[in-house]
Structure formats: C-alpha cells, structure tokens
C-alpha cells in the first residue's frame, strides 16, 4: 500500500514538473517572439537578460535593463528591471512590478519617474488575444520630473479598471489620488493661500472604445474612444473646488459631441492658478473669464458657478458662446 502511494506521489510530482517545464518554455518563447516581432516592426525592443523562476507554483519573469520605443508614436520607456508574476495554475492573472526609477520619452519632452512602490494586478480573459477583464494600479510615493523644469508628486494613486458586463469594449475607470501636488503648486501667484497638495482628487468614468483592449493595442494600434460618460470628477484644493459630470460621443476623427457641466467654487482663483501654470493661452483665459463674469452676474452668486461646456462641430461653447476649438480625443 505504501509503495503504491509513494509511486503515485512520484508520478504526480513528475507530471507537475513536466507541466511547469512546458509552461516555462511557453512563457520564454512567447516573450522572445514578441520582442522579435516588435523589432521587425521597427521598434527598439531590447533587454540585457530575461529570467524565469518560481518552480513549482509560479512563473516569475524578470527583465533586466529593458528598453521599448515605438516609432509610430515616438514614445520610449526604459527601466533597470521589470517583473511579471503569475501562478502556474492561473496564468491569466498577472502581477506587474516596476522599479523605483524609470525614464519616459515623448514627442514633447523627457520624463523621470520615481516611485516608492508601483505595481498592478491584471486579469485577462482566457482567449488568444489576451483581452483585458479588469486591472488595478497602485502607486506610492510618486515623483514625476519633466525636462521643462516642472514636477508632480503624490503620496498615493489608485486606478481601477473593470470591463462592463456583456460589453467587452466598455470599461469603468475609478481614480483616486491622495496628497497630489500638481506642477502649478510650485509657482502659485502671490496672494493665493493654498496648501501645496490637493485635498481631494477622484473620478468615476465609463469609456467605450471601438474594440476591446487586448494585445493588439500594443502590437498594432490603440483602441479609440467612441463615448465617455463622466459620472463625477471632484477636485478640492483649499478653498477651490471643481466638480464635473457629463457625456460625449466621439467620432472617427476624435471630435466630441455632448455636454460637460462643471461646478466651480471660487472660480476667479481657479483662473489665476490656470494663468500661473503657463499651459493655457492668456487670450483663451481672458475669453473664459469674461464669459464667467457675465454668468456670475446672472446667477446671483459671485463665487460659485455651474458652467455648461457644449462640444459640437469641433467647437467648445460656454453656454451659447464659442470660446475655443473642441479637444481632439485620440490615443496615439
């Protein structure tokens, strides 16, 4: 009896070892082919070393000195290491871990990113396209530095993404940030008594795309949004408050149609902060401020406003007044 039990245990161990070995080969070969395909498409896709450990229950993959650069978007990312962890019996649930320091280049500038901890949980549907089902991203101790002498910091950032039932190309996104210090906080105009960081920043958004997010989003092209529903976005910074909600549809060229309603408390100070940022044209801010002054006189509340922004035919209107071109909503 004991001999049979021992034989059974040995056979099961051999079988599981074989299963892990097959999985190890599949993971290793899959990554090698992916990097080869990216290089064939003109990418820079390099790493110094690829190691896989975790026997017998996990596949722990570590890339060393990883660099990726997409020639179509001119976006490049590099890191001293990057890790992916998956249970061998649940390979569609992946944990990603980033290093403390990373570099990101865009067509506009180079960025340096430092985090105390940055990791994500990614659950994919069990199909060949590796379609996203849900994901969570957590960042602790964020410090983002731009080459144009600006910086952004946050104590904690949490982002959750969930595919909506029966609609694989629609996702609900929830964002929360704690002690977020925006770049403009470092150059506030004199006379504004504001804390260095925002007290509240959170948003609840549902986004529909022209196709689901899967591996083709990196291999081929990014899915493009076709509709956005903002249930609520809230920013509180000292005595300044912004709340927003609305819905837009987006055409094939990225032009939105719909309405976004913004509630602003102490809106004149918000305009002053926007001017200090240097990222919004002074002429546009003059137009917006004139329209808001008129709106505040009509509303009877000089410091609190409900602002309807209407998007149609490539134009942004403040009520009936055209104030600027509508933003083009396209993912590069």
C-alpha atoms as a PDB file:
ATOM      1  CA  UNK A   1       0.000   0.000   0.000  1.00  0.00           C
ATOM      2  CA  UNK A   2       2.767   2.448   0.968  1.00  0.00           C
ATOM      3  CA  UNK A   3       4.695   1.523  -2.156  1.00  0.00           C
ATOM      4  CA  UNK A   4       1.678   2.322  -4.355  1.00  0.00           C
ATOM      5  CA  UNK A   5       1.156   5.642  -2.551  1.00  0.00           C
ATOM      6  CA  UNK A   6       4.821   6.540  -2.982  1.00  0.00           C
ATOM      7  CA  UNK A   7       4.634   5.634  -6.682  1.00  0.00           C
ATOM      8  CA  UNK A   8       1.537   7.821  -7.079  1.00  0.00           C
ATOM      9  CA  UNK A   9       3.245  10.779  -5.380  1.00  0.00           C
ATOM     10  CA  UNK A  10       6.298  10.389  -7.615  1.00  0.00           C
ATOM     11  CA  UNK A  11       4.139  10.235 -10.744  1.00  0.00           C
ATOM     12  CA  UNK A  12       2.169  13.332  -9.705  1.00  0.00           C
ATOM     13  CA  UNK A  13       5.386  15.218  -8.947  1.00  0.00           C
ATOM     14  CA  UNK A  14       6.838  14.233 -12.310  1.00  0.00           C
ATOM     15  CA  UNK A  15       3.629  15.257 -14.061  1.00  0.00           C
ATOM     16  CA  UNK A  16       3.545  18.664 -12.316  1.00  0.00           C
ATOM     17  CA  UNK A  17       7.227  19.208 -13.059  1.00  0.00           C
ATOM     18  CA  UNK A  18       6.537  18.470 -16.702  1.00  0.00           C
ATOM     19  CA  UNK A  19       3.592  20.886 -16.696  1.00  0.00           C
ATOM     20  CA  UNK A  20       5.784  23.638 -15.195  1.00  0.00           C
ATOM     21  CA  UNK A  21       8.549  22.907 -17.720  1.00  0.00           C
ATOM     22  CA  UNK A  22       6.088  23.221 -20.614  1.00  0.00           C
ATOM     23  CA  UNK A  23       4.785  26.479 -19.151  1.00  0.00           C
ATOM     24  CA  UNK A  24       8.330  27.757 -18.682  1.00  0.00           C
ATOM     25  CA  UNK A  25       9.107  27.053 -22.333  1.00  0.00           C
ATOM     26  CA  UNK A  26       5.866  28.711 -23.455  1.00  0.00           C
ATOM     27  CA  UNK A  27       6.464  31.874 -21.419  1.00  0.00           C
ATOM     28  CA  UNK A  28      10.081  32.154 -22.514  1.00  0.00           C
ATOM     29  CA  UNK A  29       9.344  31.507 -26.186  1.00  0.00           C
ATOM     30  CA  UNK A  30       6.334  33.829 -26.151  1.00  0.00           C
ATOM     31  CA  UNK A  31       8.378  36.775 -24.895  1.00  0.00           C
ATOM     32  CA  UNK A  32      11.205  36.072 -27.342  1.00  0.00           C
ATOM     33  CA  UNK A  33       8.779  36.055 -30.293  1.00  0.00           C
ATOM     34  CA  UNK A  34       7.048  39.231 -29.081  1.00  0.00           C
ATOM     35  CA  UNK A  35      10.330  41.136 -28.918  1.00  0.00           C
ATOM     36  CA  UNK A  36      11.373  39.790 -32.320  1.00  0.00           C
ATOM     37  CA  UNK A  37       8.052  40.930 -33.831  1.00  0.00           C
ATOM     38  CA  UNK A  38       8.421  44.419 -32.317  1.00  0.00           C
ATOM     39  CA  UNK A  39      11.929  44.772 -33.742  1.00  0.00           C
ATOM     40  CA  UNK A  40      10.623  43.626 -37.128  1.00  0.00           C
ATOM     41  CA  UNK A  41       8.055  46.472 -36.899  1.00  0.00           C
ATOM     42  CA  UNK A  42      10.839  48.995 -36.364  1.00  0.00           C
ATOM     43  CA  UNK A  43      10.664  49.253 -32.581  1.00  0.00           C
ATOM     44  CA  UNK A  44      13.600  49.463 -30.242  1.00  0.00           C
ATOM     45  CA  UNK A  45      12.860  46.413 -28.074  1.00  0.00           C
ATOM     46  CA  UNK A  46      15.866  45.295 -26.053  1.00  0.00           C
ATOM     47  CA  UNK A  47      16.777  43.777 -22.719  1.00  0.00           C
ATOM     48  CA  UNK A  48      20.019  42.513 -21.208  1.00  0.00           C
ATOM     49  CA  UNK A  49      18.562  39.430 -19.559  1.00  0.00           C
ATOM     50  CA  UNK A  50      15.299  37.501 -19.242  1.00  0.00           C
ATOM     51  CA  UNK A  51      14.961  35.072 -16.339  1.00  0.00           C
ATOM     52  CA  UNK A  52      12.021  32.900 -15.278  1.00  0.00           C
ATOM     53  CA  UNK A  53      11.810  31.327 -11.801  1.00  0.00           C
ATOM     54  CA  UNK A  54       9.113  30.286  -9.329  1.00  0.00           C
ATOM     55  CA  UNK A  55       9.032  26.472  -9.616  1.00  0.00           C
ATOM     56  CA  UNK A  56       6.720  24.757  -8.867  1.00  0.00           C
ATOM     57  CA  UNK A  57       3.689  27.060  -8.494  1.00  0.00           C
ATOM     58  CA  UNK A  58       4.621  30.355 -10.173  1.00  0.00           C
ATOM     59  CA  UNK A  59       6.147  31.882 -13.244  1.00  0.00           C
ATOM     60  CA  UNK A  60       8.236  34.844 -12.039  1.00  0.00           C
ATOM     61  CA  UNK A  61       9.615  36.698 -15.057  1.00  0.00           C
ATOM     62  CA  UNK A  62      12.276  39.395 -14.679  1.00  0.00           C
ATOM     63  CA  UNK A  63      13.588  41.633 -17.466  1.00  0.00           C
ATOM     64  CA  UNK A  64      16.881  43.443 -16.816  1.00  0.00           C
ATOM     65  CA  UNK A  65      17.711  46.807 -18.446  1.00  0.00           C
ATOM     66  CA  UNK A  66      14.565  46.887 -20.548  1.00  0.00           C
ATOM     67  CA  UNK A  67      14.015  49.476 -23.321  1.00  0.00           C
ATOM     68  CA  UNK A  68      10.943  49.873 -25.541  1.00  0.00           C
ATOM     69  CA  UNK A  69      10.433  52.601 -28.163  1.00  0.00           C
ATOM     70  CA  UNK A  70       7.516  52.833 -30.603  1.00  0.00           C
ATOM     71  CA  UNK A  71       8.450  54.620 -33.861  1.00  0.00           C
ATOM     72  CA  UNK A  72       4.815  55.422 -34.689  1.00  0.00           C
ATOM     73  CA  UNK A  73       4.215  57.429 -31.504  1.00  0.00           C
ATOM     74  CA  UNK A  74       7.815  58.440 -30.686  1.00  0.00           C
ATOM     75  CA  UNK A  75       7.215  57.214 -27.136  1.00  0.00           C
ATOM     76  CA  UNK A  76      10.054  55.367 -25.392  1.00  0.00           C
ATOM     77  CA  UNK A  77      10.328  53.765 -21.949  1.00  0.00           C
ATOM     78  CA  UNK A  78      13.290  52.285 -20.135  1.00  0.00           C
ATOM     79  CA  UNK A  79      13.791  50.700 -16.726  1.00  0.00           C
ATOM     80  CA  UNK A  80      16.587  48.836 -14.928  1.00  0.00           C
ATOM     81  CA  UNK A  81      14.197  45.919 -14.417  1.00  0.00           C
ATOM     82  CA  UNK A  82      10.560  44.935 -14.855  1.00  0.00           C
ATOM     83  CA  UNK A  83       8.835  41.921 -13.297  1.00  0.00           C
ATOM     84  CA  UNK A  84       5.739  39.860 -14.090  1.00  0.00           C
ATOM     85  CA  UNK A  85       4.388  37.255 -11.642  1.00  0.00           C
ATOM     86  CA  UNK A  86       1.715  34.650 -12.390  1.00  0.00           C
ATOM     87  CA  UNK A  87       0.530  31.468 -10.692  1.00  0.00           C
ATOM     88  CA  UNK A  88       1.257  28.455 -12.858  1.00  0.00           C
ATOM     89  CA  UNK A  89      -2.352  27.239 -12.450  1.00  0.00           C
ATOM     90  CA  UNK A  90      -3.812  30.734 -13.125  1.00  0.00           C
ATOM     91  CA  UNK A  91      -1.647  32.271 -15.861  1.00  0.00           C
ATOM     92  CA  UNK A  92      -4.296  34.831 -16.899  1.00  0.00           C
ATOM     93  CA  UNK A  93      -3.868  36.721 -13.591  1.00  0.00           C
ATOM     94  CA  UNK A  94      -0.631  38.690 -13.711  1.00  0.00           C
ATOM     95  CA  UNK A  95       1.067  40.931 -11.145  1.00  0.00           C
ATOM     96  CA  UNK A  96       3.407  43.582 -12.621  1.00  0.00           C
ATOM     97  CA  UNK A  97       6.101  45.333 -10.561  1.00  0.00           C
ATOM     98  CA  UNK A  98       8.065  48.392 -11.694  1.00  0.00           C
ATOM     99  CA  UNK A  99      11.401  49.636 -10.318  1.00  0.00           C
ATOM    100  CA  UNK A 100      11.794  52.765  -8.189  1.00  0.00           C
ATOM    101  CA  UNK A 101      13.182  54.765 -11.119  1.00  0.00           C
ATOM    102  CA  UNK A 102      12.072  54.806 -14.768  1.00  0.00           C
ATOM    103  CA  UNK A 103      12.539  57.023 -17.822  1.00  0.00           C
ATOM    104  CA  UNK A 104       9.871  58.001 -20.324  1.00  0.00           C
ATOM    105  CA  UNK A 105      10.329  60.000 -23.526  1.00  0.00           C
ATOM    106  CA  UNK A 106       7.501  61.569 -25.527  1.00  0.00           C
ATOM    107  CA  UNK A 107       7.485  63.806 -28.607  1.00  0.00           C
ATOM    108  CA  UNK A 108       7.267  66.776 -26.214  1.00  0.00           C
ATOM    109  CA  UNK A 109       9.875  66.035 -23.550  1.00  0.00           C
ATOM    110  CA  UNK A 110      11.708  63.512 -21.412  1.00  0.00           C
ATOM    111  CA  UNK A 111      10.269  62.472 -18.054  1.00  0.00           C
ATOM    112  CA  UNK A 112      11.906  60.945 -14.992  1.00  0.00           C
ATOM    113  CA  UNK A 113       9.611  58.876 -12.774  1.00  0.00           C
ATOM    114  CA  UNK A 114      10.401  57.828  -9.204  1.00  0.00           C
ATOM    115  CA  UNK A 115       8.054  55.758  -7.026  1.00  0.00           C
ATOM    116  CA  UNK A 116       8.412  54.148  -3.626  1.00  0.00           C
ATOM    117  CA  UNK A 117       6.233  51.307  -4.921  1.00  0.00           C
ATOM    118  CA  UNK A 118       4.418  50.769  -8.218  1.00  0.00           C
ATOM    119  CA  UNK A 119       2.569  47.588  -9.065  1.00  0.00           C
ATOM    120  CA  UNK A 120      -0.505  46.414 -10.930  1.00  0.00           C
ATOM    121  CA  UNK A 121      -2.841  43.441 -10.909  1.00  0.00           C
ATOM    122  CA  UNK A 122      -4.060  42.427 -14.363  1.00  0.00           C
ATOM    123  CA  UNK A 123      -6.749  39.817 -15.073  1.00  0.00           C
ATOM    124  CA  UNK A 124      -7.089  38.750 -18.700  1.00  0.00           C
ATOM    125  CA  UNK A 125      -9.827  36.750 -20.322  1.00  0.00           C
ATOM    126  CA  UNK A 126      -8.799  33.190 -21.246  1.00  0.00           C
ATOM    127  CA  UNK A 127      -8.620  33.823 -25.001  1.00  0.00           C
ATOM    128  CA  UNK A 128      -5.822  34.005 -27.540  1.00  0.00           C
ATOM    129  CA  UNK A 129      -5.974  37.822 -27.768  1.00  0.00           C
ATOM    130  CA  UNK A 130      -5.348  38.263 -24.006  1.00  0.00           C
ATOM    131  CA  UNK A 131      -8.350  40.589 -23.680  1.00  0.00           C
ATOM    132  CA  UNK A 132      -8.440  42.805 -20.580  1.00  0.00           C
ATOM    133  CA  UNK A 133     -11.075  41.884 -17.992  1.00  0.00           C
ATOM    134  CA  UNK A 134     -10.034  44.059 -15.041  1.00  0.00           C
ATOM    135  CA  UNK A 135      -6.963  45.757 -13.636  1.00  0.00           C
ATOM    136  CA  UNK A 136      -5.772  47.702 -10.604  1.00  0.00           C
ATOM    137  CA  UNK A 137      -2.772  50.025 -10.451  1.00  0.00           C
ATOM    138  CA  UNK A 138      -1.304  51.278  -7.163  1.00  0.00           C
ATOM    139  CA  UNK A 139       1.458  53.881  -6.890  1.00  0.00           C
ATOM    140  CA  UNK A 140       3.019  55.008  -3.603  1.00  0.00           C
ATOM    141  CA  UNK A 141       5.381  57.966  -3.277  1.00  0.00           C
ATOM    142  CA  UNK A 142       5.169  59.315  -6.829  1.00  0.00           C
ATOM    143  CA  UNK A 143       7.607  61.982  -8.062  1.00  0.00           C
ATOM    144  CA  UNK A 144       7.426  62.878 -11.764  1.00  0.00           C
ATOM    145  CA  UNK A 145      10.009  65.316 -13.136  1.00  0.00           C
ATOM    146  CA  UNK A 146       9.860  66.906 -16.582  1.00  0.00           C
ATOM    147  CA  UNK A 147      12.778  68.189 -18.602  1.00  0.00           C
ATOM    148  CA  UNK A 148      10.943  71.540 -18.900  1.00  0.00           C
ATOM    149  CA  UNK A 149      11.611  72.157 -15.183  1.00  0.00           C
ATOM    150  CA  UNK A 150       8.274  71.052 -13.738  1.00  0.00           C
ATOM    151  CA  UNK A 151       7.355  68.332 -11.281  1.00  0.00           C
ATOM    152  CA  UNK A 152       4.341  66.451  -9.971  1.00  0.00           C
ATOM    153  CA  UNK A 153       4.147  64.485  -6.745  1.00  0.00           C
ATOM    154  CA  UNK A 154       1.588  62.321  -4.936  1.00  0.00           C
ATOM    155  CA  UNK A 155       1.508  60.194  -1.812  1.00  0.00           C
ATOM    156  CA  UNK A 156      -0.846  57.566  -3.241  1.00  0.00           C
ATOM    157  CA  UNK A 157      -2.578  56.960  -6.568  1.00  0.00           C
ATOM    158  CA  UNK A 158      -5.073  54.163  -7.163  1.00  0.00           C
ATOM    159  CA  UNK A 159      -6.642  53.325 -10.528  1.00  0.00           C
ATOM    160  CA  UNK A 160      -9.172  50.539 -11.072  1.00  0.00           C
ATOM    161  CA  UNK A 161     -10.465  49.385 -14.476  1.00  0.00           C
ATOM    162  CA  UNK A 162     -13.378  46.964 -14.874  1.00  0.00           C
ATOM    163  CA  UNK A 163     -14.928  45.647 -18.093  1.00  0.00           C
ATOM    164  CA  UNK A 164     -18.679  46.214 -18.102  1.00  0.00           C
ATOM    165  CA  UNK A 165     -20.953  43.131 -18.310  1.00  0.00           C
ATOM    166  CA  UNK A 166     -21.752  41.962 -21.860  1.00  0.00           C
ATOM    167  CA  UNK A 167     -19.879  44.950 -23.337  1.00  0.00           C
ATOM    168  CA  UNK A 168     -16.231  43.900 -23.765  1.00  0.00           C
ATOM    169  CA  UNK A 169     -15.202  47.274 -25.254  1.00  0.00           C
ATOM    170  CA  UNK A 170     -16.695  49.368 -22.408  1.00  0.00           C
ATOM    171  CA  UNK A 171     -14.720  49.967 -19.215  1.00  0.00           C
ATOM    172  CA  UNK A 172     -15.428  51.689 -15.944  1.00  0.00           C
ATOM    173  CA  UNK A 173     -12.439  53.563 -14.520  1.00  0.00           C
ATOM    174  CA  UNK A 174     -12.135  54.823 -10.945  1.00  0.00           C
ATOM    175  CA  UNK A 175      -9.259  57.123  -9.990  1.00  0.00           C
ATOM    176  CA  UNK A 176      -8.233  58.355  -6.548  1.00  0.00           C
ATOM    177  CA  UNK A 177      -5.191  60.411  -5.626  1.00  0.00           C
ATOM    178  CA  UNK A 178      -4.033  61.449  -2.152  1.00  0.00           C
ATOM    179  CA  UNK A 179      -1.816  64.471  -1.465  1.00  0.00           C
ATOM    180  CA  UNK A 180      -1.354  65.225  -5.152  1.00  0.00           C
ATOM    181  CA  UNK A 181       0.922  68.223  -5.744  1.00  0.00           C
ATOM    182  CA  UNK A 182       0.401  69.490  -9.321  1.00  0.00           C
ATOM    183  CA  UNK A 183       3.147  71.372 -11.190  1.00  0.00           C
ATOM    184  CA  UNK A 184       1.372  74.701 -10.750  1.00  0.00           C
ATOM    185  CA  UNK A 185       1.653  74.338  -6.954  1.00  0.00           C
ATOM    186  CA  UNK A 186       5.328  75.219  -7.269  1.00  0.00           C
ATOM    187  CA  UNK A 187       4.595  78.559  -8.976  1.00  0.00           C
ATOM    188  CA  UNK A 188       1.404  79.866  -7.391  1.00  0.00           C
ATOM    189  CA  UNK A 189       0.667  83.569  -7.833  1.00  0.00           C
ATOM    190  CA  UNK A 190       1.259  85.708  -4.760  1.00  0.00           C
ATOM    191  CA  UNK A 191      -1.796  86.300  -2.620  1.00  0.00           C
ATOM    192  CA  UNK A 192      -3.260  82.812  -3.097  1.00  0.00           C
ATOM    193  CA  UNK A 193      -3.210  80.961   0.218  1.00  0.00           C
ATOM    194  CA  UNK A 194      -3.322  77.357  -0.900  1.00  0.00           C
ATOM    195  CA  UNK A 195      -1.812  74.181   0.535  1.00  0.00           C
ATOM    196  CA  UNK A 196       0.899  72.512  -1.522  1.00  0.00           C
ATOM    197  CA  UNK A 197      -1.257  69.483  -2.332  1.00  0.00           C
ATOM    198  CA  UNK A 198      -4.832  68.816  -3.368  1.00  0.00           C
ATOM    199  CA  UNK A 199      -7.072  67.562  -0.572  1.00  0.00           C
ATOM    200  CA  UNK A 200      -9.270  65.519  -2.913  1.00  0.00           C
ATOM    201  CA  UNK A 201      -8.990  64.164  -6.420  1.00  0.00           C
ATOM    202  CA  UNK A 202     -11.188  61.338  -7.593  1.00  0.00           C
ATOM    203  CA  UNK A 203     -13.106  60.461 -10.730  1.00  0.00           C
ATOM    204  CA  UNK A 204     -15.606  57.863 -11.962  1.00  0.00           C
ATOM    205  CA  UNK A 205     -15.570  57.450 -15.746  1.00  0.00           C
ATOM    206  CA  UNK A 206     -17.091  54.940 -18.180  1.00  0.00           C
ATOM    207  CA  UNK A 207     -15.361  54.738 -21.556  1.00  0.00           C
ATOM    208  CA  UNK A 208     -16.454  52.863 -24.675  1.00  0.00           C
ATOM    209  CA  UNK A 209     -13.882  52.036 -27.369  1.00  0.00           C
ATOM    210  CA  UNK A 210     -14.111  50.862 -30.959  1.00  0.00           C
ATOM    211  CA  UNK A 211     -12.659  47.500 -29.905  1.00  0.00           C
ATOM    212  CA  UNK A 212     -11.568  45.806 -26.670  1.00  0.00           C
ATOM    213  CA  UNK A 213      -8.169  46.383 -25.116  1.00  0.00           C
ATOM    214  CA  UNK A 214      -6.040  43.325 -25.819  1.00  0.00           C
ATOM    215  CA  UNK A 215      -2.540  42.517 -27.041  1.00  0.00           C
ATOM    216  CA  UNK A 216      -3.221  44.211 -30.397  1.00  0.00           C
ATOM    217  CA  UNK A 217      -3.317  47.552 -28.525  1.00  0.00           C
ATOM    218  CA  UNK A 218       0.479  47.284 -28.362  1.00  0.00           C
ATOM    219  CA  UNK A 219       1.150  45.093 -31.390  1.00  0.00           C
ATOM    220  CA  UNK A 220      -0.942  47.078 -33.895  1.00  0.00           C
ATOM    221  CA  UNK A 221      -2.707  50.259 -32.749  1.00  0.00           C
ATOM    222  CA  UNK A 222      -4.521  51.710 -29.785  1.00  0.00           C
ATOM    223  CA  UNK A 223      -8.322  51.258 -29.446  1.00  0.00           C
ATOM    224  CA  UNK A 224     -10.025  54.625 -29.877  1.00  0.00           C
ATOM    225  CA  UNK A 225     -12.751  56.005 -27.589  1.00  0.00           C
ATOM    226  CA  UNK A 226     -16.242  56.371 -29.057  1.00  0.00           C
ATOM    227  CA  UNK A 227     -18.111  57.550 -25.936  1.00  0.00           C
ATOM    228  CA  UNK A 228     -17.208  58.909 -22.496  1.00  0.00           C
ATOM    229  CA  UNK A 229     -19.555  59.215 -19.524  1.00  0.00           C
ATOM    230  CA  UNK A 230     -18.158  61.087 -16.552  1.00  0.00           C
ATOM    231  CA  UNK A 231     -20.359  60.234 -13.578  1.00  0.00           C
ATOM    232  CA  UNK A 232     -18.349  62.513 -11.329  1.00  0.00           C
ATOM    233  CA  UNK A 233     -14.945  64.111 -11.038  1.00  0.00           C
ATOM    234  CA  UNK A 234     -14.043  66.120  -7.962  1.00  0.00           C
ATOM    235  CA  UNK A 235     -11.023  68.245  -7.116  1.00  0.00           C
ATOM    236  CA  UNK A 236     -10.670  70.108  -3.812  1.00  0.00           C
ATOM    237  CA  UNK A 237      -7.668  72.367  -3.233  1.00  0.00           C
ATOM    238  CA  UNK A 238      -8.009  74.555  -0.160  1.00  0.00           C
ATOM    239  CA  UNK A 239     -10.997  76.813  -0.835  1.00  0.00           C
ATOM    240  CA  UNK A 240     -11.016  75.944  -4.543  1.00  0.00           C
ATOM    241  CA  UNK A 241     -13.437  73.273  -5.720  1.00  0.00           C
ATOM    242  CA  UNK A 242     -14.172  71.780  -9.125  1.00  0.00           C
ATOM    243  CA  UNK A 243     -16.827  69.168  -9.837  1.00  0.00           C
ATOM    244  CA  UNK A 244     -17.621  67.843 -13.296  1.00  0.00           C
ATOM    245  CA  UNK A 245     -20.087  65.439 -14.892  1.00  0.00           C
ATOM    246  CA  UNK A 246     -21.270  64.864 -18.437  1.00  0.00           C
ATOM    247  CA  UNK A 247     -21.346  62.671 -21.501  1.00  0.00           C
ATOM    248  CA  UNK A 248     -19.911  62.930 -25.001  1.00  0.00           C
ATOM    249  CA  UNK A 249     -19.799  60.773 -28.094  1.00  0.00           C
ATOM    250  CA  UNK A 250     -16.644  60.813 -30.225  1.00  0.00           C
ATOM    251  CA  UNK A 251     -16.467  60.463 -33.999  1.00  0.00           C
ATOM    252  CA  UNK A 252     -13.794  58.696 -36.044  1.00  0.00           C
ATOM    253  CA  UNK A 253     -11.688  61.879 -36.140  1.00  0.00           C
ATOM    254  CA  UNK A 254     -11.728  62.312 -32.356  1.00  0.00           C
ATOM    255  CA  UNK A 255     -14.233  65.190 -32.299  1.00  0.00           C
ATOM    256  CA  UNK A 256     -16.568  65.114 -29.252  1.00  0.00           C
ATOM    257  CA  UNK A 257     -20.272  65.923 -29.235  1.00  0.00           C
ATOM    258  CA  UNK A 258     -22.061  66.417 -25.935  1.00  0.00           C
ATOM    259  CA  UNK A 259     -22.071  68.444 -22.734  1.00  0.00           C
ATOM    260  CA  UNK A 260     -19.777  68.614 -19.718  1.00  0.00           C
ATOM    261  CA  UNK A 261     -21.107  70.559 -16.728  1.00  0.00           C
ATOM    262  CA  UNK A 262     -18.549  71.986 -14.315  1.00  0.00           C
ATOM    263  CA  UNK A 263     -19.307  73.431 -10.887  1.00  0.00           C
ATOM    264  CA  UNK A 264     -16.596  75.831  -9.749  1.00  0.00           C
ATOM    265  CA  UNK A 265     -16.262  77.347  -6.277  1.00  0.00           C
ATOM    266  CA  UNK A 266     -14.008  80.432  -6.021  1.00  0.00           C
ATOM    267  CA  UNK A 267     -13.606  80.309  -9.776  1.00  0.00           C
ATOM    268  CA  UNK A 268     -11.609  83.553 -10.074  1.00  0.00           C
ATOM    269  CA  UNK A 269      -8.800  81.987  -8.050  1.00  0.00           C
ATOM    270  CA  UNK A 270      -9.027  78.916 -10.280  1.00  0.00           C
ATOM    271  CA  UNK A 271      -8.477  81.164 -13.307  1.00  0.00           C
ATOM    272  CA  UNK A 272      -5.477  82.720 -11.534  1.00  0.00           C
ATOM    273  CA  UNK A 273      -3.998  79.263 -10.928  1.00  0.00           C
ATOM    274  CA  UNK A 274      -4.567  78.384 -14.602  1.00  0.00           C
ATOM    275  CA  UNK A 275      -2.718  81.531 -15.654  1.00  0.00           C
ATOM    276  CA  UNK A 276       0.177  80.667 -13.372  1.00  0.00           C
ATOM    277  CA  UNK A 277       0.518  77.242 -14.986  1.00  0.00           C
ATOM    278  CA  UNK A 278       1.540  78.830 -18.291  1.00  0.00           C
ATOM    279  CA  UNK A 279      -0.100  75.959 -20.224  1.00  0.00           C
ATOM    280  CA  UNK A 280      -3.260  77.799 -21.301  1.00  0.00           C
ATOM    281  CA  UNK A 281      -3.215  80.703 -23.751  1.00  0.00           C
ATOM    282  CA  UNK A 282      -3.840  84.035 -21.983  1.00  0.00           C
ATOM    283  CA  UNK A 283      -6.295  85.076 -24.705  1.00  0.00           C
ATOM    284  CA  UNK A 284      -8.410  81.973 -24.089  1.00  0.00           C
ATOM    285  CA  UNK A 285      -8.395  82.596 -20.340  1.00  0.00           C
ATOM    286  CA  UNK A 286      -9.466  86.208 -20.952  1.00  0.00           C
ATOM    287  CA  UNK A 287     -12.416  84.976 -23.023  1.00  0.00           C
ATOM    288  CA  UNK A 288     -13.388  82.397 -20.405  1.00  0.00           C
ATOM    289  CA  UNK A 289     -13.119  84.897 -17.555  1.00  0.00           C
ATOM    290  CA  UNK A 290     -15.288  87.455 -19.359  1.00  0.00           C
ATOM    291  CA  UNK A 291     -17.971  84.841 -20.003  1.00  0.00           C
ATOM    292  CA  UNK A 292     -17.826  83.627 -16.385  1.00  0.00           C
ATOM    293  CA  UNK A 293     -18.089  87.181 -15.056  1.00  0.00           C
ATOM    294  CA  UNK A 294     -21.306  87.571 -17.040  1.00  0.00           C
ATOM    295  CA  UNK A 295     -22.558  84.204 -15.810  1.00  0.00           C
ATOM    296  CA  UNK A 296     -21.846  85.063 -12.177  1.00  0.00           C
ATOM    297  CA  UNK A 297     -23.841  88.293 -12.503  1.00  0.00           C
ATOM    298  CA  UNK A 298     -26.794  86.345 -13.894  1.00  0.00           C
ATOM    299  CA  UNK A 299     -26.587  83.553 -11.288  1.00  0.00           C
ATOM    300  CA  UNK A 300     -26.521  85.859  -8.273  1.00  0.00           C
ATOM    301  CA  UNK A 301     -23.548  84.027  -6.719  1.00  0.00           C
ATOM    302  CA  UNK A 302     -20.236  85.691  -7.450  1.00  0.00           C
ATOM    303  CA  UNK A 303     -18.073  82.812  -6.219  1.00  0.00           C
ATOM    304  CA  UNK A 304     -19.953  79.676  -7.289  1.00  0.00           C
ATOM    305  CA  UNK A 305     -20.834  78.810 -10.877  1.00  0.00           C
ATOM    306  CA  UNK A 306     -22.341  75.947 -12.853  1.00  0.00           C
ATOM    307  CA  UNK A 307     -20.610  76.040 -16.231  1.00  0.00           C
ATOM    308  CA  UNK A 308     -22.056  74.075 -19.174  1.00  0.00           C
ATOM    309  CA  UNK A 309     -19.425  73.302 -21.807  1.00  0.00           C
ATOM    310  CA  UNK A 310     -21.006  72.181 -25.081  1.00  0.00           C
ATOM    311  CA  UNK A 311     -18.979  70.369 -27.733  1.00  0.00           C
ATOM    312  CA  UNK A 312     -20.246  70.288 -31.309  1.00  0.00           C
ATOM    313  CA  UNK A 313     -18.818  70.609 -34.812  1.00  0.00           C
ATOM    314  CA  UNK A 314     -15.264  70.927 -33.489  1.00  0.00           C
ATOM    315  CA  UNK A 315     -16.103  73.876 -31.232  1.00  0.00           C
ATOM    316  CA  UNK A 316     -16.285  74.321 -27.464  1.00  0.00           C
ATOM    317  CA  UNK A 317     -19.068  76.628 -26.313  1.00  0.00           C
ATOM    318  CA  UNK A 318     -19.617  78.145 -22.887  1.00  0.00           C
ATOM    319  CA  UNK A 319     -23.382  78.100 -22.989  1.00  0.00           C
ATOM    320  CA  UNK A 320     -24.081  79.682 -26.399  1.00  0.00           C
ATOM    321  CA  UNK A 321     -20.702  81.449 -26.638  1.00  0.00           C
ATOM    322  CA  UNK A 322     -17.920  79.763 -28.685  1.00  0.00           C
ATOM    323  CA  UNK A 323     -14.678  80.007 -26.716  1.00  0.00           C
ATOM    324  CA  UNK A 324     -12.207  77.545 -28.275  1.00  0.00           C
ATOM    325  CA  UNK A 325     -11.781  74.593 -30.623  1.00  0.00           C
ATOM    326  CA  UNK A 326     -13.057  71.340 -29.150  1.00  0.00           C
ATOM    327  CA  UNK A 327     -10.339  68.973 -27.880  1.00  0.00           C
ATOM    328  CA  UNK A 328      -9.427  66.116 -30.208  1.00  0.00           C
ATOM    329  CA  UNK A 329      -9.742  62.884 -28.226  1.00  0.00           C
ATOM    330  CA  UNK A 330      -7.427  60.357 -29.869  1.00  0.00           C
ATOM    331  CA  UNK A 331      -4.964  57.889 -28.391  1.00  0.00           C
ATOM    332  CA  UNK A 332      -1.576  57.803 -30.109  1.00  0.00           C
END
